[in-house]
Amino acid sequence: MSFWGDVGRFFAANSGLLADQAGRQVLLSLAAIGAAMVIALPVGIVVGHLHRWSFLAINGGNVLRALPTLAVIAIGIGIYGLGFVNIWVALIILALPLVLTNTYVGVDGVQGELVEAAKGMGMNAWQIVWRVELPSAVPFIMAGVRTATVYVIATAYLAGFAGSPGTLGDIITNPGSFALAGVMAASIVAVLLAFAAELILAGLERLLTPRGLTYQRSAVTATSTTTTWQNQGAH
């Protein structure tokens, strides 16, 4: 009980520090997610629309996903040294595969009948991408962005190891100065940031998803739920 009391006292005494470092961690995460989206979205859209080069896109993403972030930071020290660029690049590499893969899967999986109907209406390739494929792929794309954002926010505390102080990692990785209560407090804030990002992006996904897809997904969910209850009742 005294430990959690220490955590509460740390919150009370260092609320300004926690808020400042949480804000810096969010800004760092947004910079990384934004860069990853600028790179991954066009590539995923083009590959998914053309239905080509999927092997390179998917396997390239899987290779990047297998790289430990600390290893990327260590390699980066020898390339561009310590500082913001180091952790920024490492977080981009962390987010890139998730956004790329989901964007490709979402665009590539659009029903061929929809595309053929759009062609029959006289739409060119750009119009098909913008008005048919992207709206249909929004749930997949946003799922990738949501997962990548949670991963990045939860990992951004490693900025201290990359020579870019100012995030919650300054506390989490320094129990000698802030004690375990400080480490726990900063960790709680990091978890809350990740949950908040998930909720915000879930709401944004609902706004961006075309109404017809929303209704269709709700109907499928309701049907699945009903079937599950019926199967349970049969047992």
C-alpha atoms as a PDB file:
ATOM      1  CA  MET A   1       0.000   0.000   0.000  1.00  0.00           C
ATOM      2  CA  SER A   2       2.848   2.375   0.771  1.00  0.00           C
ATOM      3  CA  PHE A   3       4.287   1.826  -2.717  1.00  0.00           C
ATOM      4  CA  TRP A   4       1.085   3.029  -4.397  1.00  0.00           C
ATOM      5  CA  GLY A   5       1.012   5.883  -1.939  1.00  0.00           C
ATOM      6  CA  ASP A   6       4.493   6.824  -3.166  1.00  0.00           C
ATOM      7  CA  VAL A   7       3.245   6.656  -6.737  1.00  0.00           C
ATOM      8  CA  GLY A   8       0.375   8.988  -5.895  1.00  0.00           C
ATOM      9  CA  ARG A   9       2.727  11.410  -4.173  1.00  0.00           C
ATOM     10  CA  PHE A  10       5.028  11.344  -7.204  1.00  0.00           C
ATOM     11  CA  PHE A  11       2.075  12.245  -9.425  1.00  0.00           C
ATOM     12  CA  ALA A  12       1.176  15.124  -7.138  1.00  0.00           C
ATOM     13  CA  ALA A  13       4.722  16.460  -6.824  1.00  0.00           C
ATOM     14  CA  ASN A  14       5.774  16.004 -10.463  1.00  0.00           C
ATOM     15  CA  SER A  15       2.588  16.544 -12.460  1.00  0.00           C
ATOM     16  CA  GLY A  16       4.196  19.316 -14.490  1.00  0.00           C
ATOM     17  CA  LEU A  17       7.203  17.168 -15.376  1.00  0.00           C
ATOM     18  CA  LEU A  18       4.998  14.229 -16.366  1.00  0.00           C
ATOM     19  CA  ALA A  19       2.752  16.439 -18.495  1.00  0.00           C
ATOM     20  CA  ASP A  20       5.715  18.048 -20.257  1.00  0.00           C
ATOM     21  CA  GLN A  21       7.389  14.741 -21.033  1.00  0.00           C
ATOM     22  CA  ALA A  22       4.102  13.155 -22.101  1.00  0.00           C
ATOM     23  CA  GLY A  23       3.568  16.031 -24.535  1.00  0.00           C
ATOM     24  CA  ARG A  24       7.055  15.597 -25.980  1.00  0.00           C
ATOM     25  CA  GLN A  25       6.475  11.876 -26.349  1.00  0.00           C
ATOM     26  CA  VAL A  26       3.223  12.507 -28.220  1.00  0.00           C
ATOM     27  CA  LEU A  27       4.905  14.993 -30.571  1.00  0.00           C
ATOM     28  CA  LEU A  28       7.727  12.563 -31.280  1.00  0.00           C
ATOM     29  CA  SER A  29       5.202   9.792 -31.955  1.00  0.00           C
ATOM     30  CA  LEU A  30       3.143  11.992 -34.279  1.00  0.00           C
ATOM     31  CA  ALA A  31       6.269  12.936 -36.231  1.00  0.00           C
ATOM     32  CA  ALA A  32       7.149   9.265 -36.690  1.00  0.00           C
ATOM     33  CA  ILE A  33       3.614   8.153 -37.590  1.00  0.00           C
ATOM     34  CA  GLY A  34       3.223  11.047 -40.020  1.00  0.00           C
ATOM     35  CA  ALA A  35       6.447  10.176 -41.825  1.00  0.00           C
ATOM     36  CA  ALA A  36       5.538   6.484 -41.927  1.00  0.00           C
ATOM     37  CA  MET A  37       2.163   7.312 -43.476  1.00  0.00           C
ATOM     38  CA  VAL A  38       3.739   9.587 -46.092  1.00  0.00           C
ATOM     39  CA  ILE A  39       5.968   6.693 -47.152  1.00  0.00           C
ATOM     40  CA  ALA A  40       3.678   3.695 -46.692  1.00  0.00           C
ATOM     41  CA  LEU A  41       0.297   4.948 -47.907  1.00  0.00           C
ATOM     42  CA  PRO A  42       1.317   5.763 -51.512  1.00  0.00           C
ATOM     43  CA  VAL A  43       3.300   2.529 -51.838  1.00  0.00           C
ATOM     44  CA  GLY A  44       0.489   0.411 -50.393  1.00  0.00           C
ATOM     45  CA  ILE A  45      -2.136   2.117 -52.557  1.00  0.00           C
ATOM     46  CA  VAL A  46      -0.146   1.712 -55.786  1.00  0.00           C
ATOM     47  CA  VAL A  47       0.786  -1.919 -55.100  1.00  0.00           C
ATOM     48  CA  GLY A  48      -2.759  -2.770 -54.038  1.00  0.00           C
ATOM     49  CA  HIS A  49      -4.332  -1.037 -57.040  1.00  0.00           C
ATOM     50  CA  LEU A  50      -2.007  -2.645 -59.577  1.00  0.00           C
ATOM     51  CA  HIS A  51      -2.018  -6.036 -57.800  1.00  0.00           C
ATOM     52  CA  ARG A  52       1.718  -6.219 -58.474  1.00  0.00           C
ATOM     53  CA  TRP A  53       4.930  -6.293 -56.468  1.00  0.00           C
ATOM     54  CA  SER A  54       3.030  -7.489 -53.404  1.00  0.00           C
ATOM     55  CA  PHE A  55       5.848  -9.938 -52.629  1.00  0.00           C
ATOM     56  CA  LEU A  56       8.365  -7.107 -52.298  1.00  0.00           C
ATOM     57  CA  ALA A  57       6.003  -4.879 -50.289  1.00  0.00           C
ATOM     58  CA  ILE A  58       4.842  -7.541 -47.837  1.00  0.00           C
ATOM     59  CA  ASN A  59       8.190  -9.228 -47.325  1.00  0.00           C
ATOM     60  CA  GLY A  60       9.994  -5.909 -47.089  1.00  0.00           C
ATOM     61  CA  GLY A  61       7.564  -4.889 -44.392  1.00  0.00           C
ATOM     62  CA  ASN A  62       8.075  -8.165 -42.544  1.00  0.00           C
ATOM     63  CA  VAL A  63      11.851  -7.673 -42.585  1.00  0.00           C
ATOM     64  CA  LEU A  64      11.476  -4.214 -41.062  1.00  0.00           C
ATOM     65  CA  ARG A  65       9.036  -5.565 -38.474  1.00  0.00           C
ATOM     66  CA  ALA A  66      11.610  -8.124 -37.342  1.00  0.00           C
ATOM     67  CA  LEU A  67      14.186  -5.455 -36.501  1.00  0.00           C
ATOM     68  CA  PRO A  68      14.395  -4.703 -32.740  1.00  0.00           C
ATOM     69  CA  THR A  69      14.040  -0.991 -32.106  1.00  0.00           C
ATOM     70  CA  LEU A  70      17.055  -0.906 -29.792  1.00  0.00           C
ATOM     71  CA  ALA A  71      19.146  -2.536 -32.522  1.00  0.00           C
ATOM     72  CA  VAL A  72      17.966   0.073 -35.020  1.00  0.00           C
ATOM     73  CA  ILE A  73      18.947   2.810 -32.567  1.00  0.00           C
ATOM     74  CA  ALA A  74      22.374   1.233 -32.066  1.00  0.00           C
ATOM     75  CA  ILE A  75      22.960   0.981 -35.823  1.00  0.00           C
ATOM     76  CA  GLY A  76      21.752   4.545 -36.258  1.00  0.00           C
ATOM     77  CA  ILE A  77      24.365   5.857 -33.844  1.00  0.00           C
ATOM     78  CA  GLY A  78      27.039   4.789 -36.309  1.00  0.00           C
ATOM     79  CA  ILE A  79      25.207   6.350 -39.274  1.00  0.00           C
ATOM     80  CA  TYR A  80      23.802   9.678 -38.086  1.00  0.00           C
ATOM     81  CA  GLY A  81      24.830   9.780 -34.437  1.00  0.00           C
ATOM     82  CA  LEU A  82      22.774  10.555 -31.364  1.00  0.00           C
ATOM     83  CA  GLY A  83      19.782  12.866 -31.323  1.00  0.00           C
ATOM     84  CA  PHE A  84      16.245  13.279 -32.564  1.00  0.00           C
ATOM     85  CA  VAL A  85      16.887  11.815 -36.029  1.00  0.00           C
ATOM     86  CA  ASN A  86      18.035   8.541 -34.505  1.00  0.00           C
ATOM     87  CA  ILE A  87      14.871   7.792 -32.527  1.00  0.00           C
ATOM     88  CA  TRP A  88      12.693   9.309 -35.260  1.00  0.00           C
ATOM     89  CA  VAL A  89      14.023   6.905 -37.891  1.00  0.00           C
ATOM     90  CA  ALA A  90      13.763   3.953 -35.490  1.00  0.00           C
ATOM     91  CA  LEU A  91      10.095   4.715 -34.784  1.00  0.00           C
ATOM     92  CA  ILE A  92       9.349   5.185 -38.486  1.00  0.00           C
ATOM     93  CA  ILE A  93      10.785   1.731 -39.149  1.00  0.00           C
ATOM     94  CA  LEU A  94       8.578   0.382 -36.353  1.00  0.00           C
ATOM     95  CA  ALA A  95       5.393   1.910 -37.788  1.00  0.00           C
ATOM     96  CA  LEU A  96       6.063   1.494 -41.505  1.00  0.00           C
ATOM     97  CA  PRO A  97       5.297  -2.249 -41.941  1.00  0.00           C
ATOM     98  CA  LEU A  98       1.930  -2.056 -40.184  1.00  0.00           C
ATOM     99  CA  VAL A  99       0.671   0.865 -42.263  1.00  0.00           C
ATOM    100  CA  LEU A 100       2.097  -0.528 -45.500  1.00  0.00           C
ATOM    101  CA  THR A 101       0.727  -4.038 -45.098  1.00  0.00           C
ATOM    102  CA  ASN A 102      -2.763  -2.947 -44.051  1.00  0.00           C
ATOM    103  CA  THR A 103      -2.987  -0.381 -46.842  1.00  0.00           C
ATOM    104  CA  TYR A 104      -2.009  -2.964 -49.439  1.00  0.00           C
ATOM    105  CA  VAL A 105      -4.415  -5.584 -48.062  1.00  0.00           C
ATOM    106  CA  GLY A 106      -7.272  -3.067 -47.899  1.00  0.00           C
ATOM    107  CA  VAL A 107      -6.865  -1.755 -51.454  1.00  0.00           C
ATOM    108  CA  ASP A 108      -6.023  -5.122 -52.991  1.00  0.00           C
ATOM    109  CA  GLY A 109      -9.061  -6.730 -51.358  1.00  0.00           C
ATOM    110  CA  VAL A 110     -11.650  -4.390 -52.883  1.00  0.00           C
ATOM    111  CA  GLN A 111     -14.237  -6.428 -54.764  1.00  0.00           C
ATOM    112  CA  GLY A 112     -13.495  -6.712 -58.469  1.00  0.00           C
ATOM    113  CA  GLU A 113     -17.159  -6.083 -59.274  1.00  0.00           C
ATOM    114  CA  LEU A 114     -16.918  -2.600 -57.760  1.00  0.00           C
ATOM    115  CA  VAL A 115     -13.848  -1.762 -59.820  1.00  0.00           C
ATOM    116  CA  GLU A 116     -15.415  -3.077 -63.030  1.00  0.00           C
ATOM    117  CA  ALA A 117     -18.584  -1.088 -62.348  1.00  0.00           C
ATOM    118  CA  ALA A 118     -16.490   2.048 -61.842  1.00  0.00           C
ATOM    119  CA  LYS A 119     -14.709   1.421 -65.142  1.00  0.00           C
ATOM    120  CA  GLY A 120     -18.071   0.958 -66.818  1.00  0.00           C
ATOM    121  CA  MET A 121     -19.110   4.386 -65.509  1.00  0.00           C
ATOM    122  CA  GLY A 122     -16.109   5.911 -67.252  1.00  0.00           C
ATOM    123  CA  MET A 123     -13.883   6.471 -64.226  1.00  0.00           C
ATOM    124  CA  ASN A 124     -10.144   6.671 -64.845  1.00  0.00           C
ATOM    125  CA  ALA A 125      -7.544   4.931 -62.666  1.00  0.00           C
ATOM    126  CA  TRP A 126      -7.157   7.876 -60.273  1.00  0.00           C
ATOM    127  CA  GLN A 127     -10.919   8.219 -59.805  1.00  0.00           C
ATOM    128  CA  ILE A 128     -11.223   4.488 -59.102  1.00  0.00           C
ATOM    129  CA  VAL A 129      -8.519   4.716 -56.439  1.00  0.00           C
ATOM    130  CA  TRP A 130      -9.925   7.856 -54.818  1.00  0.00           C
ATOM    131  CA  ARG A 131     -13.663   7.171 -55.029  1.00  0.00           C
ATOM    132  CA  VAL A 132     -13.893   3.370 -54.847  1.00  0.00           C
ATOM    133  CA  GLU A 133     -10.815   1.628 -53.501  1.00  0.00           C
ATOM    134  CA  LEU A 134      -9.702   4.038 -50.774  1.00  0.00           C
ATOM    135  CA  PRO A 135     -13.151   4.437 -49.153  1.00  0.00           C
ATOM    136  CA  SER A 136     -13.552   0.657 -49.120  1.00  0.00           C
ATOM    137  CA  ALA A 137     -10.070   0.202 -47.641  1.00  0.00           C
ATOM    138  CA  VAL A 138     -10.487   2.757 -44.824  1.00  0.00           C
ATOM    139  CA  PRO A 139     -11.130   0.149 -42.063  1.00  0.00           C
ATOM    140  CA  PHE A 140      -7.990  -1.784 -42.992  1.00  0.00           C
ATOM    141  CA  ILE A 141      -5.850   1.339 -43.343  1.00  0.00           C
ATOM    142  CA  MET A 142      -7.029   2.790 -40.047  1.00  0.00           C
ATOM    143  CA  ALA A 143      -6.462  -0.526 -38.286  1.00  0.00           C
ATOM    144  CA  GLY A 144      -2.834  -0.363 -39.375  1.00  0.00           C
ATOM    145  CA  VAL A 145      -2.491   3.271 -38.338  1.00  0.00           C
ATOM    146  CA  ARG A 146      -4.081   2.570 -34.943  1.00  0.00           C
ATOM    147  CA  THR A 147      -1.827  -0.378 -34.190  1.00  0.00           C
ATOM    148  CA  ALA A 148       1.271   1.473 -35.390  1.00  0.00           C
ATOM    149  CA  THR A 149       0.399   4.508 -33.277  1.00  0.00           C
ATOM    150  CA  VAL A 150      -0.009   2.436 -30.122  1.00  0.00           C
ATOM    151  CA  TYR A 151       3.286   0.667 -30.791  1.00  0.00           C
ATOM    152  CA  VAL A 152       5.128   3.932 -31.425  1.00  0.00           C
ATOM    153  CA  ILE A 153       3.752   5.729 -28.364  1.00  0.00           C
ATOM    154  CA  ALA A 154       4.589   2.738 -26.188  1.00  0.00           C
ATOM    155  CA  THR A 155       8.138   2.593 -27.603  1.00  0.00           C
ATOM    156  CA  ALA A 156       8.984   6.300 -27.796  1.00  0.00           C
ATOM    157  CA  TYR A 157      10.383   6.224 -24.246  1.00  0.00           C
ATOM    158  CA  LEU A 158      13.547   4.750 -25.824  1.00  0.00           C
ATOM    159  CA  ALA A 159      14.389   8.258 -27.026  1.00  0.00           C
ATOM    160  CA  GLY A 160      16.781   8.619 -24.116  1.00  0.00           C
ATOM    161  CA  PHE A 161      18.914   5.762 -25.458  1.00  0.00           C
ATOM    162  CA  ALA A 162      19.055   7.537 -28.825  1.00  0.00           C
ATOM    163  CA  GLY A 163      20.372  10.737 -27.263  1.00  0.00           C
ATOM    164  CA  SER A 164      17.095  12.614 -27.524  1.00  0.00           C
ATOM    165  CA  PRO A 165      15.948  13.313 -23.953  1.00  0.00           C
ATOM    166  CA  GLY A 166      12.631  14.826 -22.937  1.00  0.00           C
ATOM    167  CA  THR A 167      10.205  11.897 -23.113  1.00  0.00           C
ATOM    168  CA  LEU A 168       8.787   9.745 -20.330  1.00  0.00           C
ATOM    169  CA  GLY A 169      11.782   7.493 -20.892  1.00  0.00           C
ATOM    170  CA  ASP A 170      13.889   9.950 -18.877  1.00  0.00           C
ATOM    171  CA  ILE A 171      12.000   8.705 -15.831  1.00  0.00           C
ATOM    172  CA  ILE A 172      11.295   5.102 -16.844  1.00  0.00           C
ATOM    173  CA  THR A 173      14.948   4.336 -17.550  1.00  0.00           C
ATOM    174  CA  ASN A 174      16.283   6.165 -14.504  1.00  0.00           C
ATOM    175  CA  PRO A 175      15.018   4.424 -11.339  1.00  0.00           C
ATOM    176  CA  GLY A 176      18.111   5.555  -9.472  1.00  0.00           C
ATOM    177  CA  SER A 177      16.966   9.176  -9.582  1.00  0.00           C
ATOM    178  CA  PHE A 178      13.184   8.796  -9.587  1.00  0.00           C
ATOM    179  CA  ALA A 179      12.780   5.530  -7.624  1.00  0.00           C
ATOM    180  CA  LEU A 180      10.332   2.783  -8.558  1.00  0.00           C
ATOM    181  CA  ALA A 181       7.398   5.062  -7.772  1.00  0.00           C
ATOM    182  CA  GLY A 182       8.525   7.472 -10.481  1.00  0.00           C
ATOM    183  CA  VAL A 183       9.058   4.652 -12.960  1.00  0.00           C
ATOM    184  CA  MET A 184       5.553   3.346 -12.271  1.00  0.00           C
ATOM    185  CA  ALA A 185       3.996   6.789 -12.567  1.00  0.00           C
ATOM    186  CA  ALA A 186       5.658   7.475 -15.912  1.00  0.00           C
ATOM    187  CA  SER A 187       4.718   4.007 -17.153  1.00  0.00           C
ATOM    188  CA  ILE A 188       1.074   4.604 -16.224  1.00  0.00           C
ATOM    189  CA  VAL A 189       1.098   7.870 -18.169  1.00  0.00           C
ATOM    190  CA  ALA A 190       2.596   6.096 -21.205  1.00  0.00           C
ATOM    191  CA  VAL A 191      -0.123   3.420 -21.074  1.00  0.00           C
ATOM    192  CA  LEU A 192      -2.837   6.072 -20.793  1.00  0.00           C
ATOM    193  CA  LEU A 193      -1.399   7.870 -23.824  1.00  0.00           C
ATOM    194  CA  ALA A 194      -1.582   4.653 -25.841  1.00  0.00           C
ATOM    195  CA  PHE A 195      -5.194   4.006 -24.787  1.00  0.00           C
ATOM    196  CA  ALA A 196      -6.155   7.605 -25.584  1.00  0.00           C
ATOM    197  CA  ALA A 197      -4.608   7.342 -29.038  1.00  0.00           C
ATOM    198  CA  GLU A 198      -6.512   4.107 -29.683  1.00  0.00           C
ATOM    199  CA  LEU A 199      -9.838   5.684 -28.698  1.00  0.00           C
ATOM    200  CA  ILE A 200      -9.251   8.846 -30.734  1.00  0.00           C
ATOM    201  CA  LEU A 201      -8.266   6.928 -33.852  1.00  0.00           C
ATOM    202  CA  ALA A 202     -11.209   4.546 -33.417  1.00  0.00           C
ATOM    203  CA  GLY A 203     -13.515   7.561 -33.488  1.00  0.00           C
ATOM    204  CA  LEU A 204     -11.699   8.957 -36.519  1.00  0.00           C
ATOM    205  CA  GLU A 205     -12.102   5.620 -38.275  1.00  0.00           C
ATOM    206  CA  ARG A 206     -15.861   5.748 -37.767  1.00  0.00           C
ATOM    207  CA  LEU A 207     -15.958   9.260 -39.252  1.00  0.00           C
ATOM    208  CA  LEU A 208     -13.895   8.303 -42.299  1.00  0.00           C
ATOM    209  CA  THR A 209     -15.615   4.994 -43.032  1.00  0.00           C
ATOM    210  CA  PRO A 210     -18.412   5.390 -45.616  1.00  0.00           C
ATOM    211  CA  ARG A 211     -21.850   4.960 -44.079  1.00  0.00           C
ATOM    212  CA  GLY A 212     -22.700   1.936 -46.232  1.00  0.00           C
ATOM    213  CA  LEU A 213     -19.595   0.093 -45.050  1.00  0.00           C
ATOM    214  CA  THR A 214     -20.403   0.983 -41.452  1.00  0.00           C
ATOM    215  CA  TYR A 215     -23.895  -0.458 -41.749  1.00  0.00           C
ATOM    216  CA  GLN A 216     -22.598  -3.549 -43.524  1.00  0.00           C
ATOM    217  CA  ARG A 217     -19.948  -4.148 -40.850  1.00  0.00           C
ATOM    218  CA  SER A 218     -22.525  -3.659 -38.084  1.00  0.00           C
ATOM    219  CA  ALA A 219     -24.857  -6.160 -39.745  1.00  0.00           C
ATOM    220  CA  VAL A 220     -22.066  -8.706 -40.084  1.00  0.00           C
ATOM    221  CA  THR A 221     -21.121  -8.213 -36.421  1.00  0.00           C
ATOM    222  CA  ALA A 222     -24.735  -8.603 -35.308  1.00  0.00           C
ATOM    223  CA  THR A 223     -25.150 -11.754 -37.402  1.00  0.00           C
ATOM    224  CA  SER A 224     -21.951 -13.247 -35.998  1.00  0.00           C
ATOM    225  CA  THR A 225     -23.031 -12.453 -32.450  1.00  0.00           C
ATOM    226  CA  THR A 226     -26.447 -14.029 -32.987  1.00  0.00           C
ATOM    227  CA  THR A 227     -24.899 -17.152 -34.466  1.00  0.00           C
ATOM    228  CA  THR A 228     -22.517 -17.431 -31.534  1.00  0.00           C
ATOM    229  CA  TRP A 229     -25.341 -17.198 -28.996  1.00  0.00           C
ATOM    230  CA  GLN A 230     -27.377 -19.759 -30.914  1.00  0.00           C
ATOM    231  CA  ASN A 231     -24.452 -22.172 -30.989  1.00  0.00           C
ATOM    232  CA  GLN A 232     -23.894 -21.688 -27.281  1.00  0.00           C
ATOM    233  CA  GLY A 233     -27.581 -22.317 -26.628  1.00  0.00           C
ATOM    234  CA  ALA A 234     -27.439 -25.510 -28.661  1.00  0.00           C
ATOM    235  CA  HIS A 235     -24.742 -26.814 -26.325  1.00  0.00           C
END
